[in-house]
Amino acid sequence: MSKLAKQAEKLVLDYARWKGWRVLQVRRVFDANAKRWVTPFGADGKGFPDFLFVRDRVVYAEVKTGKGKLTKEQRQWRDAIRAAGAEWYLLRPLEDWDMVKGALA
């Protein structure tokens, strides 16, 4: 994970806590054998959103920087979450802070 991505996630996390949200952050770990970042979830966990926020409602959010795109699995989670009636957002805090504020109002 790049320093920029870490900075973006920290901005979102700090803001959410400041606004009184309970937060679950899905952290990736580096798999030295595979030489790549992975999320250690089983079953259908691949692509699960970076954050789950709970306060007066439940919000899921994926955080990206620059022109980062959703993976196939991330799109599948987005679609399933929205189909279930929950809120899901793609947040780009370094590019669009107003979206972060709106999602976590």
PDB file of N, CA and C in Angstrom:
ATOM      1  N   MET A   1       0.856  -1.177   0.000  1.00  0.00           N
ATOM      2  CA  MET A   1       0.000   0.000   0.000  1.00  0.00           C
ATOM      3  C   MET A   1       0.896   1.232   0.000  1.00  0.00           C
ATOM      4  N   SER A   2       0.577   2.170  -0.835  1.00  0.00           N
ATOM      5  CA  SER A   2       1.400   3.372  -0.954  1.00  0.00           C
ATOM      6  C   SER A   2       1.177   4.312   0.229  1.00  0.00           C
ATOM      7  N   LYS A   3       2.126   5.213   0.416  1.00  0.00           N
ATOM      8  CA  LYS A   3       1.986   6.221   1.473  1.00  0.00           C
ATOM      9  C   LYS A   3       0.759   7.089   1.226  1.00  0.00           C
ATOM     10  N   LEU A   4       0.498   7.382  -0.028  1.00  0.00           N
ATOM     11  CA  LEU A   4      -0.659   8.202  -0.388  1.00  0.00           C
ATOM     12  C   LEU A   4      -1.964   7.501   0.003  1.00  0.00           C
ATOM     13  N   ALA A   5      -2.043   6.201  -0.253  1.00  0.00           N
ATOM     14  CA  ALA A   5      -3.241   5.435   0.107  1.00  0.00           C
ATOM     15  C   ALA A   5      -3.420   5.398   1.620  1.00  0.00           C
ATOM     16  N   LYS A   6      -2.325   5.221   2.348  1.00  0.00           N
ATOM     17  CA  LYS A   6      -2.401   5.229   3.817  1.00  0.00           C
ATOM     18  C   LYS A   6      -2.881   6.584   4.323  1.00  0.00           C
ATOM     19  N   GLN A   7      -2.374   7.646   3.721  1.00  0.00           N
ATOM     20  CA  GLN A   7      -2.779   8.996   4.114  1.00  0.00           C
ATOM     21  C   GLN A   7      -4.275   9.196   3.856  1.00  0.00           C
ATOM     22  N   ALA A   8      -4.748   8.742   2.716  1.00  0.00           N
ATOM     23  CA  ALA A   8      -6.162   8.885   2.371  1.00  0.00           C
ATOM     24  C   ALA A   8      -7.040   8.140   3.370  1.00  0.00           C
ATOM     25  N   GLU A   9      -6.668   6.910   3.704  1.00  0.00           N
ATOM     26  CA  GLU A   9      -7.452   6.132   4.660  1.00  0.00           C
ATOM     27  C   GLU A   9      -7.430   6.769   6.043  1.00  0.00           C
ATOM     28  N   LYS A  10      -6.283   7.306   6.444  1.00  0.00           N
ATOM     29  CA  LYS A  10      -6.188   7.954   7.757  1.00  0.00           C
ATOM     30  C   LYS A  10      -7.075   9.193   7.818  1.00  0.00           C
ATOM     31  N   LEU A  11      -7.125   9.960   6.750  1.00  0.00           N
ATOM     32  CA  LEU A  11      -8.002  11.134   6.710  1.00  0.00           C
ATOM     33  C   LEU A  11      -9.458  10.734   6.926  1.00  0.00           C
ATOM     34  N   VAL A  12      -9.886   9.686   6.236  1.00  0.00           N
ATOM     35  CA  VAL A  12     -11.268   9.221   6.362  1.00  0.00           C
ATOM     36  C   VAL A  12     -11.527   8.700   7.775  1.00  0.00           C
ATOM     37  N   LEU A  13     -10.619   7.895   8.293  1.00  0.00           N
ATOM     38  CA  LEU A  13     -10.770   7.340   9.642  1.00  0.00           C
ATOM     39  C   LEU A  13     -10.846   8.440  10.691  1.00  0.00           C
ATOM     40  N   ASP A  14      -9.936   9.389  10.643  1.00  0.00           N
ATOM     41  CA  ASP A  14      -9.922  10.483  11.625  1.00  0.00           C
ATOM     42  C   ASP A  14     -11.197  11.316  11.550  1.00  0.00           C
ATOM     43  N   TYR A  15     -11.657  11.602  10.348  1.00  0.00           N
ATOM     44  CA  TYR A  15     -12.873  12.397  10.190  1.00  0.00           C
ATOM     45  C   TYR A  15     -14.084  11.642  10.743  1.00  0.00           C
ATOM     46  N   ALA A  16     -14.178  10.361  10.420  1.00  0.00           N
ATOM     47  CA  ALA A  16     -15.312   9.559  10.898  1.00  0.00           C
ATOM     48  C   ALA A  16     -15.348   9.524  12.425  1.00  0.00           C
ATOM     49  N   ARG A  17     -14.220   9.327  13.039  1.00  0.00           N
ATOM     50  CA  ARG A  17     -14.174   9.308  14.513  1.00  0.00           C
ATOM     51  C   ARG A  17     -14.564  10.665  15.076  1.00  0.00           C
ATOM     52  N   TRP A  18     -14.094  11.725  14.455  1.00  0.00           N
ATOM     53  CA  TRP A  18     -14.423  13.076  14.900  1.00  0.00           C
ATOM     54  C   TRP A  18     -15.928  13.318  14.829  1.00  0.00           C
ATOM     55  N   LYS A  19     -16.582  12.704  13.815  1.00  0.00           N
ATOM     56  CA  LYS A  19     -18.027  12.859  13.642  1.00  0.00           C
ATOM     57  C   LYS A  19     -18.838  11.852  14.472  1.00  0.00           C
ATOM     58  N   GLY A  20     -18.159  11.026  15.272  1.00  0.00           N
ATOM     59  CA  GLY A  20     -18.862  10.124  16.187  1.00  0.00           C
ATOM     60  C   GLY A  20     -19.248   8.764  15.631  1.00  0.00           C
ATOM     61  N   TRP A  21     -18.638   8.355  14.533  1.00  0.00           N
ATOM     62  CA  TRP A  21     -18.923   7.042  13.951  1.00  0.00           C
ATOM     63  C   TRP A  21     -18.130   5.952  14.663  1.00  0.00           C
ATOM     64  N   ARG A  22     -18.713   4.760  14.769  1.00  0.00           N
ATOM     65  CA  ARG A  22     -17.954   3.554  15.131  1.00  0.00           C
ATOM     66  C   ARG A  22     -17.418   3.048  13.801  1.00  0.00           C
ATOM     67  N   VAL A  23     -16.169   2.617  13.800  1.00  0.00           N
ATOM     68  CA  VAL A  23     -15.509   2.308  12.525  1.00  0.00           C
ATOM     69  C   VAL A  23     -14.843   0.941  12.563  1.00  0.00           C
ATOM     70  N   LEU A  24     -15.074   0.176  11.518  1.00  0.00           N
ATOM     71  CA  LEU A  24     -14.307  -1.036  11.264  1.00  0.00           C
ATOM     72  C   LEU A  24     -13.485  -0.754  10.018  1.00  0.00           C
ATOM     73  N   GLN A  25     -12.166  -0.875  10.147  1.00  0.00           N
ATOM     74  CA  GLN A  25     -11.297  -0.681   8.984  1.00  0.00           C
ATOM     75  C   GLN A  25     -10.735  -2.028   8.574  1.00  0.00           C
ATOM     76  N   VAL A  26     -10.903  -2.359   7.318  1.00  0.00           N
ATOM     77  CA  VAL A  26     -10.365  -3.600   6.776  1.00  0.00           C
ATOM     78  C   VAL A  26      -8.946  -3.312   6.317  1.00  0.00           C
ATOM     79  N   ARG A  27      -7.991  -3.903   7.008  1.00  0.00           N
ATOM     80  CA  ARG A  27      -6.582  -3.640   6.689  1.00  0.00           C
ATOM     81  C   ARG A  27      -6.004  -4.739   5.820  1.00  0.00           C
ATOM     82  N   ARG A  28      -5.191  -4.329   4.905  1.00  0.00           N
ATOM     83  CA  ARG A  28      -4.479  -5.276   4.063  1.00  0.00           C
ATOM     84  C   ARG A  28      -3.118  -5.583   4.691  1.00  0.00           C
ATOM     85  N   VAL A  29      -2.625  -6.761   4.386  1.00  0.00           N
ATOM     86  CA  VAL A  29      -1.297  -7.157   4.853  1.00  0.00           C
ATOM     87  C   VAL A  29      -0.471  -7.553   3.633  1.00  0.00           C
ATOM     88  N   PHE A  30       0.840  -7.425   3.779  1.00  0.00           N
ATOM     89  CA  PHE A  30       1.714  -7.778   2.666  1.00  0.00           C
ATOM     90  C   PHE A  30       2.087  -9.249   2.767  1.00  0.00           C
ATOM     91  N   ASP A  31       1.786 -10.012   1.730  1.00  0.00           N
ATOM     92  CA  ASP A  31       2.148 -11.421   1.651  1.00  0.00           C
ATOM     93  C   ASP A  31       3.522 -11.491   0.991  1.00  0.00           C
ATOM     94  N   ALA A  32       4.546 -11.721   1.811  1.00  0.00           N
ATOM     95  CA  ALA A  32       5.920 -11.717   1.308  1.00  0.00           C
ATOM     96  C   ALA A  32       6.151 -12.828   0.285  1.00  0.00           C
ATOM     97  N   ASN A  33       5.506 -13.973   0.465  1.00  0.00           N
ATOM     98  CA  ASN A  33       5.681 -15.075  -0.486  1.00  0.00           C
ATOM     99  C   ASN A  33       5.100 -14.731  -1.851  1.00  0.00           C
ATOM    100  N   ALA A  34       3.912 -14.160  -1.847  1.00  0.00           N
ATOM    101  CA  ALA A  34       3.259 -13.805  -3.112  1.00  0.00           C
ATOM    102  C   ALA A  34       3.715 -12.442  -3.620  1.00  0.00           C
ATOM    103  N   LYS A  35       4.392 -11.694  -2.749  1.00  0.00           N
ATOM    104  CA  LYS A  35       4.878 -10.347  -3.079  1.00  0.00           C
ATOM    105  C   LYS A  35       3.739  -9.429  -3.525  1.00  0.00           C
ATOM    106  N   ARG A  36       2.663  -9.426  -2.710  1.00  0.00           N
ATOM    107  CA  ARG A  36       1.531  -8.554  -3.004  1.00  0.00           C
ATOM    108  C   ARG A  36       0.736  -8.304  -1.726  1.00  0.00           C
ATOM    109  N   TRP A  37      -0.096  -7.258  -1.774  1.00  0.00           N
ATOM    110  CA  TRP A  37      -0.973  -6.936  -0.656  1.00  0.00           C
ATOM    111  C   TRP A  37      -2.226  -7.794  -0.745  1.00  0.00           C
ATOM    112  N   VAL A  38      -2.668  -8.335   0.397  1.00  0.00           N
ATOM    113  CA  VAL A  38      -3.870  -9.166   0.441  1.00  0.00           C
ATOM    114  C   VAL A  38      -4.737  -8.759   1.632  1.00  0.00           C
ATOM    115  N   THR A  39      -6.008  -9.085   1.542  1.00  0.00           N
ATOM    116  CA  THR A  39      -6.927  -8.901   2.657  1.00  0.00           C
ATOM    117  C   THR A  39      -7.245 -10.291   3.183  1.00  0.00           C
ATOM    118  N   PRO A  40      -6.860 -10.586   4.433  1.00  0.00           N
ATOM    119  CA  PRO A  40      -7.005 -11.949   4.951  1.00  0.00           C
ATOM    120  C   PRO A  40      -8.431 -12.292   5.395  1.00  0.00           C
ATOM    121  N   PHE A  41      -9.355 -12.314   4.443  1.00  0.00           N
ATOM    122  CA  PHE A  41     -10.736 -12.714   4.709  1.00  0.00           C
ATOM    123  C   PHE A  41     -10.998 -14.027   3.997  1.00  0.00           C
ATOM    124  N   GLY A  42     -11.869 -14.835   4.580  1.00  0.00           N
ATOM    125  CA  GLY A  42     -12.267 -16.069   3.932  1.00  0.00           C
ATOM    126  C   GLY A  42     -13.574 -15.888   3.181  1.00  0.00           C
ATOM    127  N   ALA A  43     -14.092 -16.981   2.671  1.00  0.00           N
ATOM    128  CA  ALA A  43     -15.374 -17.022   1.954  1.00  0.00           C
ATOM    129  C   ALA A  43     -15.386 -15.995   0.822  1.00  0.00           C
ATOM    130  N   ASP A  44     -16.350 -15.081   0.840  1.00  0.00           N
ATOM    131  CA  ASP A  44     -16.472 -14.092  -0.230  1.00  0.00           C
ATOM    132  C   ASP A  44     -15.828 -12.760   0.125  1.00  0.00           C
ATOM    133  N   GLY A  45     -14.878 -12.769   1.030  1.00  0.00           N
ATOM    134  CA  GLY A  45     -14.303 -11.528   1.542  1.00  0.00           C
ATOM    135  C   GLY A  45     -13.479 -10.711   0.567  1.00  0.00           C
ATOM    136  N   LYS A  46     -12.979 -11.326  -0.482  1.00  0.00           N
ATOM    137  CA  LYS A  46     -12.153 -10.582  -1.430  1.00  0.00           C
ATOM    138  C   LYS A  46     -12.945  -9.408  -1.999  1.00  0.00           C
ATOM    139  N   GLY A  47     -12.366  -8.214  -1.914  1.00  0.00           N
ATOM    140  CA  GLY A  47     -13.019  -7.026  -2.444  1.00  0.00           C
ATOM    141  C   GLY A  47     -13.930  -6.310  -1.465  1.00  0.00           C
ATOM    142  N   PHE A  48     -14.034  -6.821  -0.216  1.00  0.00           N
ATOM    143  CA  PHE A  48     -14.899  -6.167   0.775  1.00  0.00           C
ATOM    144  C   PHE A  48     -14.435  -4.727   0.975  1.00  0.00           C
ATOM    145  N   PRO A  49     -15.367  -3.793   1.203  1.00  0.00           N
ATOM    146  CA  PRO A  49     -14.997  -2.379   1.336  1.00  0.00           C
ATOM    147  C   PRO A  49     -13.971  -2.121   2.441  1.00  0.00           C
ATOM    148  N   ASP A  50     -13.220  -1.038   2.285  1.00  0.00           N
ATOM    149  CA  ASP A  50     -12.182  -0.666   3.249  1.00  0.00           C
ATOM    150  C   ASP A  50     -12.746  -0.314   4.615  1.00  0.00           C
ATOM    151  N   PHE A  51     -13.932   0.274   4.638  1.00  0.00           N
ATOM    152  CA  PHE A  51     -14.505   0.752   5.895  1.00  0.00           C
ATOM    153  C   PHE A  51     -15.971   0.360   6.030  1.00  0.00           C
ATOM    154  N   LEU A  52     -16.351   0.122   7.288  1.00  0.00           N
ATOM    155  CA  LEU A  52     -17.745  -0.025   7.688  1.00  0.00           C
ATOM    156  C   LEU A  52     -17.954   0.985   8.812  1.00  0.00           C
ATOM    157  N   PHE A  53     -18.900   1.895   8.628  1.00  0.00           N
ATOM    158  CA  PHE A  53     -19.188   2.943   9.609  1.00  0.00           C
ATOM    159  C   PHE A  53     -20.578   2.706  10.188  1.00  0.00           C
ATOM    160  N   VAL A  54     -20.706   2.852  11.514  1.00  0.00           N
ATOM    161  CA  VAL A  54     -22.005   2.694  12.164  1.00  0.00           C
ATOM    162  C   VAL A  54     -22.223   3.865  13.109  1.00  0.00           C
ATOM    163  N   ARG A  55     -23.357   4.494  12.970  1.00  0.00           N
ATOM    164  CA  ARG A  55     -23.781   5.571  13.877  1.00  0.00           C
ATOM    165  C   ARG A  55     -25.304   5.557  13.863  1.00  0.00           C
ATOM    166  N   ASP A  56     -25.925   6.506  13.237  1.00  0.00           N
ATOM    167  CA  ASP A  56     -27.380   6.502  13.100  1.00  0.00           C
ATOM    168  C   ASP A  56     -27.816   5.710  11.869  1.00  0.00           C
ATOM    169  N   ARG A  57     -26.853   5.248  11.108  1.00  0.00           N
ATOM    170  CA  ARG A  57     -27.075   4.408   9.939  1.00  0.00           C
ATOM    171  C   ARG A  57     -25.790   3.629   9.686  1.00  0.00           C
ATOM    172  N   VAL A  58     -25.844   2.714   8.742  1.00  0.00           N
ATOM    173  CA  VAL A  58     -24.673   1.906   8.390  1.00  0.00           C
ATOM    174  C   VAL A  58     -24.193   2.346   7.013  1.00  0.00           C
ATOM    175  N   VAL A  59     -22.884   2.591   6.910  1.00  0.00           N
ATOM    176  CA  VAL A  59     -22.281   3.055   5.655  1.00  0.00           C
ATOM    177  C   VAL A  59     -21.041   2.213   5.358  1.00  0.00           C
ATOM    178  N   TYR A  60     -20.943   1.753   4.130  1.00  0.00           N
ATOM    179  CA  TYR A  60     -19.748   1.054   3.649  1.00  0.00           C
ATOM    180  C   TYR A  60     -19.013   2.001   2.714  1.00  0.00           C
ATOM    181  N   ALA A  61     -17.679   1.955   2.743  1.00  0.00           N
ATOM    182  CA  ALA A  61     -16.924   2.842   1.858  1.00  0.00           C
ATOM    183  C   ALA A  61     -15.638   2.188   1.383  1.00  0.00           C
ATOM    184  N   GLU A  62     -15.360   2.395   0.126  1.00  0.00           N
ATOM    185  CA  GLU A  62     -14.089   2.015  -0.483  1.00  0.00           C
ATOM    186  C   GLU A  62     -13.316   3.305  -0.703  1.00  0.00           C
ATOM    187  N   VAL A  63     -12.035   3.306  -0.347  1.00  0.00           N
ATOM    188  CA  VAL A  63     -11.205   4.502  -0.489  1.00  0.00           C
ATOM    189  C   VAL A  63     -10.192   4.272  -1.605  1.00  0.00           C
ATOM    190  N   LYS A  64     -10.130   5.222  -2.510  1.00  0.00           N
ATOM    191  CA  LYS A  64      -9.174   5.169  -3.621  1.00  0.00           C
ATOM    192  C   LYS A  64      -8.463   6.511  -3.732  1.00  0.00           C
ATOM    193  N   THR A  65      -7.308   6.489  -4.342  1.00  0.00           N
ATOM    194  CA  THR A  65      -6.571   7.718  -4.631  1.00  0.00           C
ATOM    195  C   THR A  65      -6.383   7.823  -6.142  1.00  0.00           C
ATOM    196  N   GLY A  66      -6.195   9.048  -6.590  1.00  0.00           N
ATOM    197  CA  GLY A  66      -5.929   9.269  -8.007  1.00  0.00           C
ATOM    198  C   GLY A  66      -6.971   8.643  -8.895  1.00  0.00           C
ATOM    199  N   LYS A  67      -6.511   7.881  -9.857  1.00  0.00           N
ATOM    200  CA  LYS A  67      -7.415   7.245 -10.814  1.00  0.00           C
ATOM    201  C   LYS A  67      -7.665   5.781 -10.473  1.00  0.00           C
ATOM    202  N   GLY A  68      -7.408   5.412  -9.207  1.00  0.00           N
ATOM    203  CA  GLY A  68      -7.624   4.032  -8.779  1.00  0.00           C
ATOM    204  C   GLY A  68      -9.024   3.552  -9.120  1.00  0.00           C
ATOM    205  N   LYS A  69      -9.123   2.340  -9.633  1.00  0.00           N
ATOM    206  CA  LYS A  69     -10.406   1.786 -10.076  1.00  0.00           C
ATOM    207  C   LYS A  69     -10.816   0.616  -9.192  1.00  0.00           C
ATOM    208  N   LEU A  70     -12.110   0.384  -9.150  1.00  0.00           N
ATOM    209  CA  LEU A  70     -12.630  -0.757  -8.410  1.00  0.00           C
ATOM    210  C   LEU A  70     -12.295  -2.049  -9.140  1.00  0.00           C
ATOM    211  N   THR A  71     -11.975  -3.082  -8.359  1.00  0.00           N
ATOM    212  CA  THR A  71     -11.770  -4.405  -8.943  1.00  0.00           C
ATOM    213  C   THR A  71     -13.136  -5.042  -9.207  1.00  0.00           C
ATOM    214  N   LYS A  72     -13.131  -6.138  -9.905  1.00  0.00           N
ATOM    215  CA  LYS A  72     -14.369  -6.874 -10.167  1.00  0.00           C
ATOM    216  C   LYS A  72     -15.049  -7.235  -8.850  1.00  0.00           C
ATOM    217  N   GLU A  73     -14.271  -7.729  -7.895  1.00  0.00           N
ATOM    218  CA  GLU A  73     -14.838  -8.133  -6.605  1.00  0.00           C
ATOM    219  C   GLU A  73     -15.385  -6.934  -5.828  1.00  0.00           C
ATOM    220  N   GLN A  74     -14.704  -5.799  -5.911  1.00  0.00           N
ATOM    221  CA  GLN A  74     -15.201  -4.596  -5.238  1.00  0.00           C
ATOM    222  C   GLN A  74     -16.517  -4.130  -5.855  1.00  0.00           C
ATOM    223  N   ARG A  75     -16.650  -4.236  -7.151  1.00  0.00           N
ATOM    224  CA  ARG A  75     -17.917  -3.881  -7.818  1.00  0.00           C
ATOM    225  C   ARG A  75     -19.031  -4.837  -7.395  1.00  0.00           C
ATOM    226  N   GLN A  76     -18.687  -6.122  -7.242  1.00  0.00           N
ATOM    227  CA  GLN A  76     -19.694  -7.096  -6.805  1.00  0.00           C
ATOM    228  C   GLN A  76     -20.181  -6.778  -5.390  1.00  0.00           C
ATOM    229  N   TRP A  77     -19.257  -6.429  -4.491  1.00  0.00           N
ATOM    230  CA  TRP A  77     -19.655  -6.041  -3.131  1.00  0.00           C
ATOM    231  C   TRP A  77     -20.504  -4.775  -3.165  1.00  0.00           C
ATOM    232  N   ARG A  78     -20.088  -3.785  -3.940  1.00  0.00           N
ATOM    233  CA  ARG A  78     -20.866  -2.548  -4.065  1.00  0.00           C
ATOM    234  C   ARG A  78     -22.300  -2.862  -4.481  1.00  0.00           C
ATOM    235  N   ASP A  79     -22.430  -3.679  -5.507  1.00  0.00           N
ATOM    236  CA  ASP A  79     -23.758  -3.996  -6.028  1.00  0.00           C
ATOM    237  C   ASP A  79     -24.597  -4.762  -5.006  1.00  0.00           C
ATOM    238  N   ALA A  80     -23.985  -5.713  -4.301  1.00  0.00           N
ATOM    239  CA  ALA A  80     -24.714  -6.501  -3.301  1.00  0.00           C
ATOM    240  C   ALA A  80     -25.149  -5.632  -2.123  1.00  0.00           C
ATOM    241  N   ILE A  81     -24.264  -4.758  -1.676  1.00  0.00           N
ATOM    242  CA  ILE A  81     -24.577  -3.869  -0.548  1.00  0.00           C
ATOM    243  C   ILE A  81     -25.713  -2.927  -0.917  1.00  0.00           C
ATOM    244  N   ARG A  82     -25.628  -2.330  -2.077  1.00  0.00           N
ATOM    245  CA  ARG A  82     -26.694  -1.413  -2.510  1.00  0.00           C
ATOM    246  C   ARG A  82     -28.009  -2.153  -2.743  1.00  0.00           C
ATOM    247  N   ALA A  83     -27.943  -3.367  -3.289  1.00  0.00           N
ATOM    248  CA  ALA A  83     -29.162  -4.152  -3.520  1.00  0.00           C
ATOM    249  C   ALA A  83     -29.853  -4.497  -2.202  1.00  0.00           C
ATOM    250  N   ALA A  84     -29.063  -4.600  -1.131  1.00  0.00           N
ATOM    251  CA  ALA A  84     -29.623  -4.890   0.194  1.00  0.00           C
ATOM    252  C   ALA A  84     -30.170  -3.633   0.870  1.00  0.00           C
ATOM    253  N   GLY A  85     -30.026  -2.489   0.210  1.00  0.00           N
ATOM    254  CA  GLY A  85     -30.570  -1.246   0.745  1.00  0.00           C
ATOM    255  C   GLY A  85     -29.619  -0.452   1.612  1.00  0.00           C
ATOM    256  N   ALA A  86     -28.363  -0.859   1.671  1.00  0.00           N
ATOM    257  CA  ALA A  86     -27.379  -0.133   2.482  1.00  0.00           C
ATOM    258  C   ALA A  86     -26.655   0.912   1.631  1.00  0.00           C
ATOM    259  N   GLU A  87     -25.998   1.831   2.319  1.00  0.00           N
ATOM    260  CA  GLU A  87     -25.228   2.878   1.638  1.00  0.00           C
ATOM    261  C   GLU A  87     -23.812   2.375   1.362  1.00  0.00           C
ATOM    262  N   TRP A  88     -23.328   2.651   0.167  1.00  0.00           N
ATOM    263  CA  TRP A  88     -21.959   2.319  -0.228  1.00  0.00           C
ATOM    264  C   TRP A  88     -21.416   3.511  -0.999  1.00  0.00           C
ATOM    265  N   TYR A  89     -20.185   3.906  -0.663  1.00  0.00           N
ATOM    266  CA  TYR A  89     -19.567   5.059  -1.323  1.00  0.00           C
ATOM    267  C   TYR A  89     -18.156   4.731  -1.782  1.00  0.00           C
ATOM    268  N   LEU A  90     -17.779   5.315  -2.894  1.00  0.00           N
ATOM    269  CA  LEU A  90     -16.388   5.342  -3.336  1.00  0.00           C
ATOM    270  C   LEU A  90     -15.863   6.711  -2.930  1.00  0.00           C
ATOM    271  N   LEU A  91     -14.922   6.726  -2.000  1.00  0.00           N
ATOM    272  CA  LEU A  91     -14.380   7.981  -1.481  1.00  0.00           C
ATOM    273  C   LEU A  91     -12.974   8.206  -2.016  1.00  0.00           C
ATOM    274  N   ARG A  92     -12.737   9.425  -2.458  1.00  0.00           N
ATOM    275  CA  ARG A  92     -11.414   9.857  -2.905  1.00  0.00           C
ATOM    276  C   ARG A  92     -11.067  11.106  -2.097  1.00  0.00           C
ATOM    277  N   PRO A  93     -10.653  10.913  -0.834  1.00  0.00           N
ATOM    278  CA  PRO A  93     -10.482  12.058   0.068  1.00  0.00           C
ATOM    279  C   PRO A  93      -9.443  13.074  -0.373  1.00  0.00           C
ATOM    280  N   LEU A  94      -8.457  12.660  -1.125  1.00  0.00           N
ATOM    281  CA  LEU A  94      -7.426  13.603  -1.557  1.00  0.00           C
ATOM    282  C   LEU A  94      -7.899  14.436  -2.745  1.00  0.00           C
ATOM    283  N   GLU A  95      -8.939  13.964  -3.429  1.00  0.00           N
ATOM    284  CA  GLU A  95      -9.446  14.664  -4.600  1.00  0.00           C
ATOM    285  C   GLU A  95     -10.814  15.310  -4.375  1.00  0.00           C
ATOM    286  N   ASP A  96     -11.641  14.723  -3.503  1.00  0.00           N
ATOM    287  CA  ASP A  96     -13.021  15.199  -3.337  1.00  0.00           C
ATOM    288  C   ASP A  96     -13.444  15.085  -1.870  1.00  0.00           C
ATOM    289  N   TRP A  97     -12.991  16.035  -1.066  1.00  0.00           N
ATOM    290  CA  TRP A  97     -13.286  16.005   0.366  1.00  0.00           C
ATOM    291  C   TRP A  97     -14.779  16.190   0.632  1.00  0.00           C
ATOM    292  N   ASP A  98     -15.472  16.923  -0.225  1.00  0.00           N
ATOM    293  CA  ASP A  98     -16.910  17.130  -0.032  1.00  0.00           C
ATOM    294  C   ASP A  98     -17.682  15.810  -0.067  1.00  0.00           C
ATOM    295  N   MET A  99     -17.245  14.861  -0.868  1.00  0.00           N
ATOM    296  CA  MET A  99     -17.896  13.550  -0.915  1.00  0.00           C
ATOM    297  C   MET A  99     -17.752  12.841   0.431  1.00  0.00           C
ATOM    298  N   VAL A 100     -16.577  12.943   1.040  1.00  0.00           N
ATOM    299  CA  VAL A 100     -16.355  12.336   2.359  1.00  0.00           C
ATOM    300  C   VAL A 100     -17.304  12.963   3.370  1.00  0.00           C
ATOM    301  N   LYS A 101     -17.359  14.279   3.379  1.00  0.00           N
ATOM    302  CA  LYS A 101     -18.235  14.982   4.330  1.00  0.00           C
ATOM    303  C   LYS A 101     -19.699  14.617   4.106  1.00  0.00           C
ATOM    304  N   GLY A 102     -20.107  14.480   2.865  1.00  0.00           N
ATOM    305  CA  GLY A 102     -21.485  14.116   2.573  1.00  0.00           C
ATOM    306  C   GLY A 102     -21.821  12.692   3.000  1.00  0.00           C
ATOM    307  N   ALA A 103     -20.912  11.772   2.734  1.00  0.00           N
ATOM    308  CA  ALA A 103     -21.145  10.368   3.083  1.00  0.00           C
ATOM    309  C   ALA A 103     -21.222  10.168   4.588  1.00  0.00           C
ATOM    310  N   LEU A 104     -20.433  10.935   5.322  1.00  0.00           N
ATOM    311  CA  LEU A 104     -20.353  10.761   6.778  1.00  0.00           C
ATOM    312  C   LEU A 104     -20.986  11.917   7.536  1.00  0.00           C
ATOM    313  N   ALA A 105     -21.975  12.562   6.931  1.00  0.00           N
ATOM    314  CA  ALA A 105     -22.653  13.700   7.570  1.00  0.00           C
ATOM    315  C   ALA A 105     -23.396  13.255   8.819  1.00  0.00           C
TER     316      ALA A 105
END
